[in-house]
Amino acid sequence: MEDNKILIREANINDAPTLEDYLIRLAKETEDKDLKPELVKSGVAKLLVDQKYGRYIVAHIPSQQADDDQQSAGHSDIVVGMLMITFEVSPKLGGLCYWIESVYVHQDYRKKGIFTSLFNEVVRQAKLDPLAKSIKLYVDHDNERAMKTYEKLGMNKLAESNFDEIDVHFSH
């Protein structure tokens, strides 16, 4: 699988099962959290159908390059990585901030430049969007490898924060 050509595209509804799987894996690997599959499925579907809030971008390989197990699953291509972009209105910047979230690369494809390819696609899209003013992401302050990767891609470290995420959930 060394000669695989990795391609980047926007996710579509056919990618939903893989996106759901990757989001569940991401939460388990990074936060040791077990997400409820039905909620993940609903959330993925909403963003795939209505992109005003954001979009998923995937890295994939054509199925003719996939291994036998992947081909027998009947996929036209194999998604090996993903990220989600969400949009924040920033009055301070006079436009939109593209937030990179939910980055996941399948373990068999890590350290092969897939995140860099996904990131470059976000940059390309943001440059084409006259409302886009910045690209941001959060990184765990202990994740030095990720921070080095982001710095190599031209991202700058902003103020350090020790705030915890606090959620309010609604039943509707």
Protein backbone atom coordinates (compact mmCIF):
# COMPACT_ATOMS: atom_id res chain seq x y z
CA MET A 1 0.00 0.00 0.00
CA GLU A 2 3.05 2.26 -0.23
CA ASP A 3 2.09 3.56 -3.68
CA ASN A 4 -1.41 4.64 -2.72
CA LYS A 5 -2.46 7.97 -4.09
CA ILE A 6 -4.30 9.89 -1.40
CA LEU A 7 -7.03 12.15 -2.74
CA ILE A 8 -8.94 14.87 -0.89
CA ARG A 9 -12.62 15.73 -1.35
CA GLU A 10 -15.66 16.97 0.52
CA ALA A 11 -17.54 14.21 2.28
CA ASN A 12 -20.92 13.10 1.01
CA ILE A 13 -23.80 11.15 2.50
CA ASN A 14 -22.22 7.85 1.41
CA ASP A 15 -19.32 8.59 3.78
CA ALA A 16 -21.61 8.86 6.81
CA PRO A 17 -20.91 5.38 8.27
CA THR A 18 -17.15 5.91 8.08
CA LEU A 19 -17.36 9.42 9.55
CA GLU A 20 -19.49 8.09 12.39
CA ASP A 21 -17.00 5.30 13.06
CA TYR A 22 -14.04 7.68 13.00
CA LEU A 23 -15.73 10.16 15.36
CA ILE A 24 -16.45 7.36 17.83
CA ARG A 25 -12.84 6.14 17.57
CA LEU A 26 -11.52 9.70 17.99
CA ALA A 27 -13.45 10.25 21.22
CA LYS A 28 -12.27 6.92 22.59
CA GLU A 29 -8.61 7.41 21.61
CA THR A 30 -8.25 11.02 22.71
CA GLU A 31 -10.66 11.40 25.63
CA ASP A 32 -11.50 7.81 26.58
CA LYS A 33 -15.16 8.66 25.97
CA ASP A 34 -17.81 6.33 24.60
CA LEU A 35 -20.11 8.33 22.35
CA LYS A 36 -23.70 7.29 21.70
CA PRO A 37 -23.76 6.04 18.10
CA GLU A 38 -27.30 7.29 17.47
CA LEU A 39 -26.30 10.85 18.44
CA VAL A 40 -23.16 10.71 16.30
CA LYS A 41 -25.22 9.42 13.35
CA SER A 42 -27.71 12.27 13.73
CA GLY A 43 -24.98 14.90 14.04
CA VAL A 44 -23.04 13.65 11.02
CA ALA A 45 -26.19 13.55 8.90
CA LYS A 46 -27.15 17.11 9.85
CA LEU A 47 -23.80 18.53 8.75
CA LEU A 48 -23.70 16.51 5.54
CA VAL A 49 -27.18 17.74 4.58
CA ASP A 50 -26.84 21.38 5.68
CA GLN A 51 -23.37 22.83 5.21
CA LYS A 52 -24.17 26.31 6.51
CA TYR A 53 -22.65 25.25 9.84
CA GLY A 54 -19.66 23.42 8.45
CA ARG A 55 -18.51 20.49 6.39
CA TYR A 56 -16.44 17.35 6.47
CA ILE A 57 -13.38 16.87 4.29
CA VAL A 58 -12.02 13.38 3.72
CA ALA A 59 -8.80 11.82 2.51
CA HIS A 60 -9.45 8.72 0.43
CA ILE A 61 -7.84 6.17 -1.82
CA PRO A 62 -9.50 4.73 -4.94
CA SER A 63 -10.87 1.24 -4.33
CA GLN A 64 -8.54 -0.39 -6.87
CA GLN A 65 -5.72 0.47 -4.44
CA ALA A 66 -7.56 -0.86 -1.39
CA ASP A 67 -6.78 -4.17 0.23
CA ASP A 68 -9.00 -7.23 -0.28
CA ASP A 69 -11.10 -6.62 2.86
CA GLN A 70 -11.83 -3.05 1.84
CA GLN A 71 -12.71 -4.05 -1.73
CA SER A 72 -15.04 -6.83 -0.59
CA ALA A 73 -16.96 -4.23 1.41
CA GLY A 74 -17.99 -2.72 -1.93
CA HIS A 75 -16.64 0.79 -1.42
CA SER A 76 -15.96 2.96 -4.47
CA ASP A 77 -13.17 4.53 -2.47
CA ILE A 78 -11.76 4.09 1.01
CA VAL A 79 -11.81 7.01 3.45
CA VAL A 80 -8.57 6.98 5.45
CA GLY A 81 -8.80 10.37 7.17
CA MET A 82 -11.21 13.17 7.92
CA LEU A 83 -11.65 16.52 9.53
CA MET A 84 -14.57 18.80 10.18
CA ILE A 85 -14.65 22.52 9.51
CA THR A 86 -17.13 24.67 11.41
CA PHE A 87 -17.69 28.37 10.96
CA GLU A 88 -17.62 31.10 13.59
CA VAL A 89 -18.61 34.68 12.88
CA SER A 90 -15.83 36.91 14.17
CA PRO A 91 -16.77 40.59 14.49
CA LYS A 92 -13.18 41.24 15.57
CA LEU A 93 -11.92 39.96 12.21
CA GLY A 94 -14.88 41.17 10.15
CA GLY A 95 -15.70 37.75 8.76
CA LEU A 96 -15.59 34.03 9.36
CA CYS A 97 -13.14 31.92 11.27
CA TYR A 98 -12.81 28.37 9.95
CA TRP A 99 -12.39 26.03 12.91
CA ILE A 100 -10.71 22.68 12.25
CA GLU A 101 -12.22 20.01 14.46
CA SER A 102 -12.56 16.25 14.72
CA VAL A 103 -9.32 15.37 12.95
CA TYR A 104 -8.93 11.62 12.54
CA VAL A 105 -6.61 9.53 10.40
CA HIS A 106 -6.98 5.75 10.37
CA GLN A 107 -4.12 4.20 12.32
CA ASP A 108 -2.77 2.36 9.25
CA TYR A 109 -2.32 5.68 7.43
CA ARG A 110 -0.83 7.92 10.11
CA LYS A 111 2.47 9.74 9.58
CA LYS A 112 1.97 9.72 5.81
CA GLY A 113 1.09 13.39 5.32
CA ILE A 114 -2.66 12.89 5.31
CA PHE A 115 -3.40 15.63 7.84
CA THR A 116 -1.19 18.00 5.85
CA SER A 117 -3.22 17.25 2.72
CA LEU A 118 -6.49 17.79 4.59
CA PHE A 119 -5.18 21.03 6.11
CA ASN A 120 -4.04 22.31 2.71
CA GLU A 121 -7.56 21.74 1.38
CA VAL A 122 -9.00 23.81 4.23
CA VAL A 123 -6.54 26.59 3.39
CA ARG A 124 -7.47 26.37 -0.30
CA GLN A 125 -11.18 26.62 0.48
CA ALA A 126 -10.68 29.49 2.94
CA LYS A 127 -8.66 31.47 0.39
CA LEU A 128 -11.53 31.13 -2.09
CA ASP A 129 -14.11 32.32 0.47
CA PRO A 130 -14.18 36.14 0.67
CA LEU A 131 -15.75 35.89 4.15
CA ALA A 132 -12.97 33.70 5.57
CA LYS A 133 -10.47 35.64 7.69
CA SER A 134 -8.67 32.93 9.68
CA ILE A 135 -8.26 29.23 10.35
CA LYS A 136 -8.02 28.03 13.94
CA LEU A 137 -7.94 24.82 15.93
CA TYR A 138 -7.53 23.72 19.51
CA VAL A 139 -4.70 21.42 20.50
CA ASP A 140 -4.05 19.73 23.82
CA HIS A 141 -1.07 21.53 25.40
CA ASP A 142 0.56 18.13 26.05
CA ASN A 143 0.41 17.12 22.39
CA GLU A 144 3.81 18.42 21.34
CA ARG A 145 3.93 16.35 18.15
CA ALA A 146 0.69 17.89 16.91
CA MET A 147 1.85 21.40 17.83
CA LYS A 148 5.05 20.90 15.82
CA THR A 149 3.00 19.73 12.84
CA TYR A 150 0.75 22.79 13.06
CA GLU A 151 3.73 25.13 13.32
CA LYS A 152 5.30 23.53 10.22
CA LEU A 153 2.07 24.27 8.39
CA GLY A 154 2.35 27.96 9.27
CA MET A 155 -0.03 28.13 12.21
CA ASN A 156 0.89 30.38 15.12
CA LYS A 157 0.36 29.57 18.76
CA LEU A 158 -2.02 32.03 20.39
CA ALA A 159 -2.71 32.57 24.07
CA GLU A 160 -2.56 29.46 26.20
CA SER A 161 -5.73 28.56 28.02
CA ASN A 162 -6.39 26.32 30.98
CA PHE A 163 -10.16 26.46 30.66
CA ASP A 164 -12.16 23.26 30.68
CA GLU A 165 -14.95 22.61 28.25
CA ILE A 166 -18.32 23.01 29.90
CA ASP A 167 -21.48 21.96 28.09
CA VAL A 168 -25.13 22.77 28.47
CA HIS A 169 -27.32 20.10 26.88
CA PHE A 170 -30.88 20.62 25.71
CA SER A 171 -33.49 17.89 25.46
CA HIS A 172 -35.14 19.24 22.30
